[in-house]
Protein backbone atom coordinates (compact mmCIF):
# COMPACT_ATOMS: atom_id res chain seq x y z
CA MET A 1 132.20 -11.55 76.99
CA LEU A 2 131.55 -14.98 75.02
CA MET A 3 128.48 -17.05 76.59
CA PRO A 4 128.08 -20.69 76.52
CA ILE A 5 124.15 -20.70 75.13
CA ALA A 6 122.55 -20.96 71.56
CA THR A 7 121.42 -18.68 69.76
CA PRO A 8 119.59 -18.58 66.11
CA PHE A 9 121.71 -15.16 65.38
CA LEU A 10 124.67 -14.36 63.63
CA PHE A 11 126.96 -11.39 63.71
CA VAL A 12 128.99 -10.32 60.82
CA TYR A 13 131.16 -7.28 60.33
CA GLY A 14 133.66 -7.89 57.41
CA THR A 15 133.73 -9.66 53.74
CA LEU A 16 130.48 -11.30 54.51
CA LEU A 17 128.74 -8.13 54.29
CA LEU A 18 129.90 -7.82 50.87
CA SER A 19 127.72 -8.24 47.82
CA ASP A 20 130.41 -9.56 45.93
CA ASN A 21 131.23 -12.33 48.38
CA ASP A 22 130.24 -15.88 47.71
CA PHE A 23 129.71 -16.77 51.40
CA GLY A 24 128.16 -13.45 51.78
CA ARG A 25 125.36 -14.34 49.20
CA TYR A 26 125.45 -17.95 50.68
CA LEU A 27 124.51 -16.11 53.99
CA LYS A 28 121.86 -13.59 52.54
CA ASN A 29 120.10 -16.78 50.81
CA ASN A 30 120.17 -18.97 54.40
CA CYS A 31 119.39 -16.24 56.88
CA THR A 32 117.23 -13.24 57.25
CA PHE A 33 118.44 -9.51 57.87
CA PHE A 34 117.28 -8.86 61.68
CA SER A 35 119.06 -5.59 62.29
CA HIS A 36 122.22 -3.74 62.61
CA GLY A 37 124.63 -4.09 65.44
CA ARG A 38 127.59 -3.68 67.64
CA PHE A 39 129.98 -4.77 70.39
CA LYS A 40 132.29 -3.23 72.49
CA GLY A 41 135.48 -4.03 70.67
CA LYS A 42 138.08 -3.36 67.92
CA LEU A 43 138.52 -4.03 64.38
CA PHE A 44 141.74 -4.31 62.35
CA ASP A 45 142.83 -4.48 59.14
CA ILE A 46 144.17 -8.52 58.70
CA GLY A 47 145.04 -8.26 54.66
CA GLU A 48 142.25 -9.15 52.65
CA TYR A 49 139.45 -9.29 55.31
CA PRO A 50 139.00 -7.73 58.96
CA GLY A 51 139.45 -9.25 62.21
CA ALA A 52 137.48 -8.29 65.33
CA ILE A 53 138.40 -8.68 68.95
CA ILE A 54 136.57 -7.85 72.13
CA ASP A 55 137.77 -4.88 74.49
CA GLN A 56 135.70 -3.77 77.09
CA SER A 57 138.05 -1.33 78.52
CA GLY A 58 137.74 1.69 75.76
CA ASN A 59 135.13 3.42 73.54
CA HIS A 60 135.65 1.50 70.56
CA TYR A 61 132.86 -0.71 68.73
CA VAL A 62 132.71 -3.04 65.80
CA HIS A 63 129.89 -2.54 63.68
CA GLY A 64 127.93 -5.04 61.25
CA SER A 65 124.63 -7.01 60.76
CA ILE A 66 122.94 -9.11 62.75
CA TYR A 67 121.06 -12.31 60.76
CA LYS A 68 118.41 -14.86 62.04
CA LEU A 69 119.92 -18.30 60.67
CA HIS A 70 117.20 -20.44 59.07
CA ASN A 71 119.35 -23.58 59.63
CA ALA A 72 121.76 -22.88 62.22
CA ASP A 73 123.84 -25.94 62.20
CA LYS A 74 124.05 -26.36 58.49
CA VAL A 75 124.89 -22.45 57.92
CA LEU A 76 127.40 -22.44 60.81
CA LYS A 77 129.10 -25.63 59.30
CA ILE A 78 129.65 -23.87 55.85
CA LEU A 79 131.05 -20.59 57.58
CA ASP A 80 133.41 -22.31 60.03
CA GLU A 81 135.03 -23.65 57.01
CA TYR A 82 135.46 -19.91 55.33
CA GLU A 83 136.42 -18.54 58.47
CA GLY A 84 138.81 -21.30 59.08
CA VAL A 85 137.39 -22.58 62.77
CA GLY A 86 137.77 -26.43 63.31
CA GLU A 87 139.91 -29.27 64.27
CA ASN A 88 140.77 -29.68 60.61
CA GLU A 89 141.84 -26.26 59.98
CA ILE A 90 145.08 -24.54 60.73
CA GLN A 91 145.81 -24.50 64.49
CA PRO A 92 145.58 -22.47 66.59
CA ASN A 93 142.63 -21.23 64.20
CA LEU A 94 142.42 -17.88 62.48
CA TYR A 95 139.15 -17.13 64.09
CA THR A 96 137.03 -18.76 67.05
CA ARG A 97 133.40 -18.87 67.00
CA GLY A 98 131.37 -17.71 70.01
CA ILE A 99 128.51 -16.05 71.44
CA LEU A 100 128.32 -12.38 72.60
CA GLN A 101 125.89 -9.76 73.35
CA VAL A 102 125.30 -7.33 70.36
CA ASP A 103 123.94 -3.84 70.93
CA THR A 104 121.13 -2.97 68.68
CA THR A 105 118.72 0.16 68.78
CA ASP A 106 115.87 -2.34 69.97
CA GLY A 107 118.27 -4.13 72.39
CA SER A 108 120.97 -6.64 73.15
CA TYR A 109 120.84 -10.00 71.59
CA PRO A 110 122.94 -12.87 71.92
CA CYS A 111 124.63 -13.46 68.52
CA TRP A 112 127.23 -15.96 67.30
CA VAL A 113 130.27 -13.94 66.29
CA TYR A 114 133.68 -14.89 64.54
CA LEU A 115 136.73 -13.05 66.56
CA TYR A 116 140.15 -12.78 65.32
CA ASN A 117 142.70 -15.30 67.29
CA TRP A 118 146.05 -14.69 65.72
CA PRO A 119 148.55 -11.90 67.04
CA LEU A 120 147.94 -8.62 65.99
CA ASP A 121 151.42 -7.32 65.41
CA ALA A 122 151.68 -4.51 63.00
CA LYS A 123 147.78 -5.01 61.91
CA VAL A 124 146.04 -1.53 61.16
CA PHE A 125 143.22 -0.40 63.54
CA ILE A 126 140.36 0.38 61.75
CA GLU A 127 139.00 3.40 63.49
CA GLY A 128 135.29 3.74 63.78
CA GLY A 129 135.16 -0.22 63.57
CA ASP A 130 132.83 -0.17 60.40
CA TYR A 131 134.51 -2.33 57.76
CA LEU A 132 132.34 -1.37 54.61
CA LYS A 133 132.95 2.52 55.60
CA TYR A 134 136.75 1.43 55.61
CA LYS A 135 136.74 -0.24 52.33
CA ARG A 136 134.95 2.63 50.65
């Protein structure tokens, strides 16, 4: 469930994990890897990128990485543009950014996460919820 608090952590599960992505490199240069993590949800192939949704009802998880933000406001502003979040972006936004608990082997942490916000009609469900494995 999305939570209304601030946090220094960001959970990423898609193209931001790719080494050949400019924004992924930006993330790695302006954040510190914290842990691998997952949350209860489903991951879909949207085309050139994935989209995740929260789904507490099943046994599906979205897997990714947690980063500690060095300058949260600056980094999130840049990533919001990349993810299509904001008043100046297409409405409704392609993604929403909120905070939810992400599980790790050492506990659960509140993390910013970008969740897909458009209809999922005819989108391919990514079995296993791991975008990097799916891309291989």
